Amino acid sequence: LKLYILEDEVRILKHLLQIVQENPYVQVV
């Protein structure tokens, strides 16, 4: 599934990217 993130706090964005990039079901677009 294609995933998009809308988040303006850099620290939280990095944390989210770290989590979702390890998930085999999603692709960050």
PDB file of all heavy atoms in Angstrom:
ATOM      1  N   LEU A   1       0.848  -1.187   0.000  1.00  0.00           N
ATOM      2  CA  LEU A   1       0.000   0.000   0.000  1.00  0.00           C
ATOM      3  C   LEU A   1       0.887   1.243   0.000  1.00  0.00           C
ATOM      4  O   LEU A   1       1.888   1.310   0.713  1.00  0.00           O
ATOM      5  CB  LEU A   1      -0.904   0.009   1.233  1.00  0.00           C
ATOM      6  CG  LEU A   1      -1.864  -1.173   1.388  1.00  0.00           C
ATOM      7  CD1 LEU A   1      -2.692  -1.014   2.655  1.00  0.00           C
ATOM      8  CD2 LEU A   1      -2.779  -1.280   0.175  1.00  0.00           C
ATOM      9  N   LYS A   2       0.499   2.208  -0.809  1.00  0.00           N
ATOM     10  CA  LYS A   2       1.261   3.461  -0.885  1.00  0.00           C
ATOM     11  C   LYS A   2       0.892   4.347   0.297  1.00  0.00           C
ATOM     12  O   LYS A   2      -0.287   4.586   0.556  1.00  0.00           O
ATOM     13  CB  LYS A   2       0.979   4.172  -2.205  1.00  0.00           C
ATOM     14  CG  LYS A   2       1.454   3.406  -3.427  1.00  0.00           C
ATOM     15  CD  LYS A   2       1.277   4.208  -4.702  1.00  0.00           C
ATOM     16  CE  LYS A   2      -0.187   4.413  -5.031  1.00  0.00           C
ATOM     17  NZ  LYS A   2      -0.359   5.135  -6.325  1.00  0.00           N
ATOM     18  N   LEU A   3       1.899   4.833   1.004  1.00  0.00           N
ATOM     19  CA  LEU A   3       1.671   5.610   2.212  1.00  0.00           C
ATOM     20  C   LEU A   3       2.279   7.002   2.099  1.00  0.00           C
ATOM     21  O   LEU A   3       3.388   7.178   1.592  1.00  0.00           O
ATOM     22  CB  LEU A   3       2.257   4.877   3.418  1.00  0.00           C
ATOM     23  CG  LEU A   3       2.074   5.538   4.786  1.00  0.00           C
ATOM     24  CD1 LEU A   3       1.771   4.488   5.841  1.00  0.00           C
ATOM     25  CD2 LEU A   3       3.302   6.344   5.202  1.00  0.00           C
ATOM     26  N   TYR A   4       1.526   7.994   2.573  1.00  0.00           N
ATOM     27  CA  TYR A   4       1.982   9.388   2.583  1.00  0.00           C
ATOM     28  C   TYR A   4       1.908   9.889   4.019  1.00  0.00           C
ATOM     29  O   TYR A   4       0.982   9.547   4.761  1.00  0.00           O
ATOM     30  CB  TYR A   4       1.080  10.236   1.687  1.00  0.00           C
ATOM     31  CG  TYR A   4       1.558  11.643   1.453  1.00  0.00           C
ATOM     32  CD1 TYR A   4       2.378  11.941   0.359  1.00  0.00           C
ATOM     33  CD2 TYR A   4       1.196  12.683   2.299  1.00  0.00           C
ATOM     34  CE1 TYR A   4       2.827  13.235   0.135  1.00  0.00           C
ATOM     35  CE2 TYR A   4       1.639  13.975   2.080  1.00  0.00           C
ATOM     36  CZ  TYR A   4       2.445  14.248   0.999  1.00  0.00           C
ATOM     37  OH  TYR A   4       2.894  15.538   0.768  1.00  0.00           O
ATOM     38  N   ILE A   5       2.895  10.707   4.429  1.00  0.00           N
ATOM     39  CA  ILE A   5       2.936  11.226   5.803  1.00  0.00           C
ATOM     40  C   ILE A   5       2.829  12.750   5.780  1.00  0.00           C
ATOM     41  O   ILE A   5       3.571  13.427   5.062  1.00  0.00           O
ATOM     42  CB  ILE A   5       4.236  10.810   6.519  1.00  0.00           C
ATOM     43  CG1 ILE A   5       4.376   9.283   6.541  1.00  0.00           C
ATOM     44  CG2 ILE A   5       4.251  11.364   7.942  1.00  0.00           C
ATOM     45  CD1 ILE A   5       5.701   8.796   7.132  1.00  0.00           C
ATOM     46  N   LEU A   6       1.902  13.260   6.578  1.00  0.00           N
ATOM     47  CA  LEU A   6       1.733  14.707   6.736  1.00  0.00           C
ATOM     48  C   LEU A   6       2.037  15.043   8.198  1.00  0.00           C
ATOM     49  O   LEU A   6       1.209  14.842   9.079  1.00  0.00           O
ATOM     50  CB  LEU A   6       0.306  15.115   6.364  1.00  0.00           C
ATOM     51  CG  LEU A   6      -0.073  16.591   6.510  1.00  0.00           C
ATOM     52  CD1 LEU A   6       0.873  17.490   5.723  1.00  0.00           C
ATOM     53  CD2 LEU A   6      -1.511  16.815   6.061  1.00  0.00           C
ATOM     54  N   GLU A   7       3.235  15.539   8.447  1.00  0.00           N
ATOM     55  CA  GLU A   7       3.687  15.808   9.817  1.00  0.00           C
ATOM     56  C   GLU A   7       4.743  16.917   9.782  1.00  0.00           C
ATOM     57  O   GLU A   7       5.707  16.836   9.010  1.00  0.00           O
ATOM     58  CB  GLU A   7       4.268  14.530  10.427  1.00  0.00           C
ATOM     59  CG  GLU A   7       4.964  14.699  11.761  1.00  0.00           C
ATOM     60  CD  GLU A   7       4.056  15.276  12.825  1.00  0.00           C
ATOM     61  OE1 GLU A   7       3.053  14.622  13.182  1.00  0.00           O
ATOM     62  OE2 GLU A   7       4.354  16.392  13.302  1.00  0.00           O
ATOM     63  N   ASP A   8       4.573  17.956  10.612  1.00  0.00           N
ATOM     64  CA  ASP A   8       5.492  19.093  10.561  1.00  0.00           C
ATOM     65  C   ASP A   8       6.556  19.082  11.659  1.00  0.00           C
ATOM     66  O   ASP A   8       7.420  19.962  11.687  1.00  0.00           O
ATOM     67  CB  ASP A   8       4.727  20.420  10.580  1.00  0.00           C
ATOM     68  CG  ASP A   8       3.850  20.587  11.816  1.00  0.00           C
ATOM     69  OD1 ASP A   8       3.870  19.696  12.684  1.00  0.00           O
ATOM     70  OD2 ASP A   8       3.154  21.615  11.909  1.00  0.00           O
ATOM     71  N   GLU A   9       6.512  18.105  12.562  1.00  0.00           N
ATOM     72  CA  GLU A   9       7.563  17.997  13.571  1.00  0.00           C
ATOM     73  C   GLU A   9       8.622  17.015  13.056  1.00  0.00           C
ATOM     74  O   GLU A   9       8.346  15.820  12.893  1.00  0.00           O
ATOM     75  CB  GLU A   9       6.993  17.507  14.898  1.00  0.00           C
ATOM     76  CG  GLU A   9       6.017  18.491  15.546  1.00  0.00           C
ATOM     77  CD  GLU A   9       5.566  18.023  16.914  1.00  0.00           C
ATOM     78  OE1 GLU A   9       6.430  17.633  17.729  1.00  0.00           O
ATOM     79  OE2 GLU A   9       4.348  18.029  17.159  1.00  0.00           O
ATOM     80  N   VAL A  10       9.821  17.517  12.820  1.00  0.00           N
ATOM     81  CA  VAL A  10      10.884  16.718  12.187  1.00  0.00           C
ATOM     82  C   VAL A  10      11.205  15.465  12.994  1.00  0.00           C
ATOM     83  O   VAL A  10      11.377  14.376  12.433  1.00  0.00           O
ATOM     84  CB  VAL A  10      12.152  17.571  11.997  1.00  0.00           C
ATOM     85  CG1 VAL A  10      13.294  16.708  11.433  1.00  0.00           C
ATOM     86  CG2 VAL A  10      11.872  18.742  11.072  1.00  0.00           C
ATOM     87  N   ARG A  11      11.265  15.605  14.294  1.00  0.00           N
ATOM     88  CA  ARG A  11      11.594  14.454  15.144  1.00  0.00           C
ATOM     89  C   ARG A  11      10.554  13.348  15.004  1.00  0.00           C
ATOM     90  O   ARG A  11      10.901  12.165  14.871  1.00  0.00           O
ATOM     91  CB  ARG A  11      11.691  14.914  16.604  1.00  0.00           C
ATOM     92  CG  ARG A  11      11.936  13.791  17.597  1.00  0.00           C
ATOM     93  CD  ARG A  11      12.011  14.362  19.017  1.00  0.00           C
ATOM     94  NE  ARG A  11      10.822  15.144  19.335  1.00  0.00           N
ATOM     95  CZ  ARG A  11       9.693  14.621  19.764  1.00  0.00           C
ATOM     96  NH1 ARG A  11       9.589  13.297  19.906  1.00  0.00           N
ATOM     97  NH2 ARG A  11       8.664  15.383  20.055  1.00  0.00           N
ATOM     98  N   ILE A  12       9.296  13.740  14.993  1.00  0.00           N
ATOM     99  CA  ILE A  12       8.221  12.754  14.863  1.00  0.00           C
ATOM    100  C   ILE A  12       8.218  12.148  13.464  1.00  0.00           C
ATOM    101  O   ILE A  12       8.017  10.937  13.293  1.00  0.00           O
ATOM    102  CB  ILE A  12       6.856  13.393  15.178  1.00  0.00           C
ATOM    103  CG1 ILE A  12       6.811  13.801  16.648  1.00  0.00           C
ATOM    104  CG2 ILE A  12       5.711  12.434  14.854  1.00  0.00           C
ATOM    105  CD1 ILE A  12       5.545  14.499  17.060  1.00  0.00           C
ATOM    106  N   LEU A  13       8.454  12.974  12.448  1.00  0.00           N
ATOM    107  CA  LEU A  13       8.518  12.475  11.070  1.00  0.00           C
ATOM    108  C   LEU A  13       9.599  11.401  10.929  1.00  0.00           C
ATOM    109  O   LEU A  13       9.360  10.345  10.331  1.00  0.00           O
ATOM    110  CB  LEU A  13       8.783  13.625  10.100  1.00  0.00           C
ATOM    111  CG  LEU A  13       9.010  13.229   8.643  1.00  0.00           C
ATOM    112  CD1 LEU A  13       7.777  12.535   8.071  1.00  0.00           C
ATOM    113  CD2 LEU A  13       9.377  14.452   7.803  1.00  0.00           C
ATOM    114  N   LYS A  14      10.776  11.650  11.478  1.00  0.00           N
ATOM    115  CA  LYS A  14      11.863  10.672  11.396  1.00  0.00           C
ATOM    116  C   LYS A  14      11.479   9.371  12.093  1.00  0.00           C
ATOM    117  O   LYS A  14      11.777   8.273  11.609  1.00  0.00           O
ATOM    118  CB  LYS A  14      13.138  11.251  12.017  1.00  0.00           C
ATOM    119  CG  LYS A  14      13.782  12.352  11.177  1.00  0.00           C
ATOM    120  CD  LYS A  14      15.057  12.860  11.847  1.00  0.00           C
ATOM    121  CE  LYS A  14      15.727  13.927  10.989  1.00  0.00           C
ATOM    122  NZ  LYS A  14      16.966  14.455  11.654  1.00  0.00           N
ATOM    123  N   HIS A  15      10.812   9.504  13.226  1.00  0.00           N
ATOM    124  CA  HIS A  15      10.372   8.318  13.974  1.00  0.00           C
ATOM    125  C   HIS A  15       9.359   7.514  13.157  1.00  0.00           C
ATOM    126  O   HIS A  15       9.451   6.278  13.070  1.00  0.00           O
ATOM    127  CB  HIS A  15       9.762   8.766  15.299  1.00  0.00           C
ATOM    128  CG  HIS A  15       9.259   7.647  16.160  1.00  0.00           C
ATOM    129  ND1 HIS A  15      10.055   6.600  16.580  1.00  0.00           N
ATOM    130  CD2 HIS A  15       8.020   7.404  16.685  1.00  0.00           C
ATOM    131  CE1 HIS A  15       9.350   5.762  17.320  1.00  0.00           C
ATOM    132  NE2 HIS A  15       8.100   6.217  17.391  1.00  0.00           N
ATOM    133  N   LEU A  16       8.430   8.208  12.512  1.00  0.00           N
ATOM    134  CA  LEU A  16       7.422   7.536  11.688  1.00  0.00           C
ATOM    135  C   LEU A  16       8.070   6.827  10.499  1.00  0.00           C
ATOM    136  O   LEU A  16       7.739   5.681  10.190  1.00  0.00           O
ATOM    137  CB  LEU A  16       6.394   8.550  11.188  1.00  0.00           C
ATOM    138  CG  LEU A  16       5.460   9.159  12.235  1.00  0.00           C
ATOM    139  CD1 LEU A  16       4.659  10.307  11.630  1.00  0.00           C
ATOM    140  CD2 LEU A  16       4.526   8.100  12.808  1.00  0.00           C
ATOM    141  N   LEU A  17       8.987   7.512   9.844  1.00  0.00           N
ATOM    142  CA  LEU A  17       9.659   6.922   8.685  1.00  0.00           C
ATOM    143  C   LEU A  17      10.431   5.662   9.086  1.00  0.00           C
ATOM    144  O   LEU A  17      10.427   4.662   8.362  1.00  0.00           O
ATOM    145  CB  LEU A  17      10.603   7.937   8.048  1.00  0.00           C
ATOM    146  CG  LEU A  17       9.940   9.069   7.259  1.00  0.00           C
ATOM    147  CD1 LEU A  17      10.955  10.134   6.891  1.00  0.00           C
ATOM    148  CD2 LEU A  17       9.266   8.524   6.003  1.00  0.00           C
ATOM    149  N   GLN A  18      11.057   5.710  10.236  1.00  0.00           N
ATOM    150  CA  GLN A  18      11.802   4.549  10.716  1.00  0.00           C
ATOM    151  C   GLN A  18      10.877   3.353  10.926  1.00  0.00           C
ATOM    152  O   GLN A  18      11.212   2.209  10.585  1.00  0.00           O
ATOM    153  CB  GLN A  18      12.524   4.894  12.018  1.00  0.00           C
ATOM    154  CG  GLN A  18      13.368   3.748  12.571  1.00  0.00           C
ATOM    155  CD  GLN A  18      14.074   4.134  13.859  1.00  0.00           C
ATOM    156  OE1 GLN A  18      13.848   5.211  14.392  1.00  0.00           O
ATOM    157  NE2 GLN A  18      14.923   3.265  14.357  1.00  0.00           N
ATOM    158  N   ILE A  19       9.701   3.620  11.470  1.00  0.00           N
ATOM    159  CA  ILE A  19       8.753   2.532  11.744  1.00  0.00           C
ATOM    160  C   ILE A  19       8.187   1.968  10.444  1.00  0.00           C
ATOM    161  O   ILE A  19       8.203   0.752  10.215  1.00  0.00           O
ATOM    162  CB  ILE A  19       7.596   3.033  12.635  1.00  0.00           C
ATOM    163  CG1 ILE A  19       8.115   3.443  14.012  1.00  0.00           C
ATOM    164  CG2 ILE A  19       6.524   1.942  12.777  1.00  0.00           C
ATOM    165  CD1 ILE A  19       7.074   4.117  14.886  1.00  0.00           C
ATOM    166  N   VAL A  20       7.677   2.841   9.577  1.00  0.00           N
ATOM    167  CA  VAL A  20       6.947   2.366   8.400  1.00  0.00           C
ATOM    168  C   VAL A  20       7.874   1.760   7.344  1.00  0.00           C
ATOM    169  O   VAL A  20       7.453   0.897   6.566  1.00  0.00           O
ATOM    170  CB  VAL A  20       6.091   3.492   7.779  1.00  0.00           C
ATOM    171  CG1 VAL A  20       5.064   3.990   8.783  1.00  0.00           C
ATOM    172  CG2 VAL A  20       6.949   4.638   7.272  1.00  0.00           C
ATOM    173  N   GLN A  21       9.118   2.206   7.299  1.00  0.00           N
ATOM    174  CA  GLN A  21      10.026   1.657   6.299  1.00  0.00           C
ATOM    175  C   GLN A  21      10.388   0.197   6.585  1.00  0.00           C
ATOM    176  O   GLN A  21      10.878  -0.507   5.709  1.00  0.00           O
ATOM    177  CB  GLN A  21      11.286   2.523   6.214  1.00  0.00           C
ATOM    178  CG  GLN A  21      11.036   3.834   5.482  1.00  0.00           C
ATOM    179  CD  GLN A  21      12.205   4.790   5.545  1.00  0.00           C
ATOM    180  OE1 GLN A  21      13.159   4.580   6.291  1.00  0.00           O
ATOM    181  NE2 GLN A  21      12.156   5.852   4.747  1.00  0.00           N
ATOM    182  N   GLU A  22      10.121  -0.251   7.798  1.00  0.00           N
ATOM    183  CA  GLU A  22      10.368  -1.650   8.157  1.00  0.00           C
ATOM    184  C   GLU A  22       9.139  -2.515   7.950  1.00  0.00           C
ATOM    185  O   GLU A  22       9.171  -3.725   8.167  1.00  0.00           O
ATOM    186  CB  GLU A  22      10.827  -1.736   9.618  1.00  0.00           C
ATOM    187  CG  GLU A  22      12.160  -1.035   9.887  1.00  0.00           C
ATOM    188  CD  GLU A  22      12.530  -1.047  11.358  1.00  0.00           C
ATOM    189  OE1 GLU A  22      11.724  -1.570  12.157  1.00  0.00           O
ATOM    190  OE2 GLU A  22      13.610  -0.539  11.704  1.00  0.00           O
ATOM    191  N   ASN A  23       8.028  -1.898   7.535  1.00  0.00           N
ATOM    192  CA  ASN A  23       6.784  -2.629   7.351  1.00  0.00           C
ATOM    193  C   ASN A  23       6.696  -3.151   5.921  1.00  0.00           C
ATOM    194  O   ASN A  23       6.742  -2.367   4.974  1.00  0.00           O
ATOM    195  CB  ASN A  23       5.588  -1.714   7.662  1.00  0.00           C
ATOM    196  CG  ASN A  23       4.286  -2.481   7.755  1.00  0.00           C
ATOM    197  OD1 ASN A  23       3.911  -3.201   6.849  1.00  0.00           O
ATOM    198  ND2 ASN A  23       3.577  -2.303   8.870  1.00  0.00           N
ATOM    199  N   PRO A  24       6.558  -4.464   5.731  1.00  0.00           N
ATOM    200  CA  PRO A  24       6.541  -5.022   4.372  1.00  0.00           C
ATOM    201  C   PRO A  24       5.269  -4.704   3.597  1.00  0.00           C
ATOM    202  O   PRO A  24       5.232  -4.879   2.380  1.00  0.00           O
ATOM    203  CB  PRO A  24       6.652  -6.535   4.618  1.00  0.00           C
ATOM    204  CG  PRO A  24       6.062  -6.737   5.979  1.00  0.00           C
ATOM    205  CD  PRO A  24       6.438  -5.514   6.767  1.00  0.00           C
ATOM    206  N   TYR A  25       4.228  -4.205   4.284  1.00  0.00           N
ATOM    207  CA  TYR A  25       2.949  -3.959   3.626  1.00  0.00           C
ATOM    208  C   TYR A  25       2.862  -2.578   2.989  1.00  0.00           C
ATOM    209  O   TYR A  25       1.947  -2.316   2.212  1.00  0.00           O
ATOM    210  CB  TYR A  25       1.784  -4.094   4.627  1.00  0.00           C
ATOM    211  CG  TYR A  25       1.693  -5.434   5.302  1.00  0.00           C
ATOM    212  CD1 TYR A  25       1.475  -5.526   6.671  1.00  0.00           C
ATOM    213  CD2 TYR A  25       1.820  -6.622   4.576  1.00  0.00           C
ATOM    214  CE1 TYR A  25       1.382  -6.765   7.301  1.00  0.00           C
ATOM    215  CE2 TYR A  25       1.724  -7.852   5.198  1.00  0.00           C
ATOM    216  CZ  TYR A  25       1.507  -7.918   6.561  1.00  0.00           C
ATOM    217  OH  TYR A  25       1.421  -9.150   7.175  1.00  0.00           O
ATOM    218  N   VAL A  26       3.768  -1.680   3.343  1.00  0.00           N
ATOM    219  CA  VAL A  26       3.630  -0.300   2.871  1.00  0.00           C
ATOM    220  C   VAL A  26       4.882   0.198   2.146  1.00  0.00           C
ATOM    221  O   VAL A  26       5.991  -0.264   2.401  1.00  0.00           O
ATOM    222  CB  VAL A  26       3.294   0.661   4.039  1.00  0.00           C
ATOM    223  CG1 VAL A  26       2.008   0.270   4.728  1.00  0.00           C
ATOM    224  CG2 VAL A  26       4.439   0.741   5.030  1.00  0.00           C
ATOM    225  N   GLN A  27       4.642   1.150   1.255  1.00  0.00           N
ATOM    226  CA  GLN A  27       5.719   1.834   0.542  1.00  0.00           C
ATOM    227  C   GLN A  27       5.502   3.327   0.716  1.00  0.00           C
ATOM    228  O   GLN A  27       4.453   3.862   0.340  1.00  0.00           O
ATOM    229  CB  GLN A  27       5.693   1.482  -0.947  1.00  0.00           C
ATOM    230  CG  GLN A  27       6.683   2.292  -1.775  1.00  0.00           C
ATOM    231  CD  GLN A  27       6.424   2.156  -3.265  1.00  0.00           C
ATOM    232  OE1 GLN A  27       5.462   1.504  -3.676  1.00  0.00           O
ATOM    233  NE2 GLN A  27       7.256   2.787  -4.071  1.00  0.00           N
ATOM    234  N   VAL A  28       6.468   4.012   1.302  1.00  0.00           N
ATOM    235  CA  VAL A  28       6.350   5.454   1.499  1.00  0.00           C
ATOM    236  C   VAL A  28       6.550   6.157   0.156  1.00  0.00           C
ATOM    237  O   VAL A  28       7.600   6.030  -0.473  1.00  0.00           O
ATOM    238  CB  VAL A  28       7.382   5.966   2.525  1.00  0.00           C
ATOM    239  CG1 VAL A  28       7.251   7.485   2.690  1.00  0.00           C
ATOM    240  CG2 VAL A  28       7.202   5.268   3.864  1.00  0.00           C
ATOM    241  N   VAL A  29       5.523   6.893  -0.281  1.00  0.00           N
ATOM    242  CA  VAL A  29       5.603   7.575  -1.570  1.00  0.00           C
ATOM    243  C   VAL A  29       5.850   9.071  -1.425  1.00  0.00           C
ATOM    244  O   VAL A  29       6.109   9.769  -2.415  1.00  0.00           O
ATOM    245  CB  VAL A  29       4.330   7.342  -2.411  1.00  0.00           C
ATOM    246  CG1 VAL A  29       4.209   5.880  -2.788  1.00  0.00           C
ATOM    247  CG2 VAL A  29       3.077   7.826  -1.681  1.00  0.00           C
TER     248      VAL A  29
END
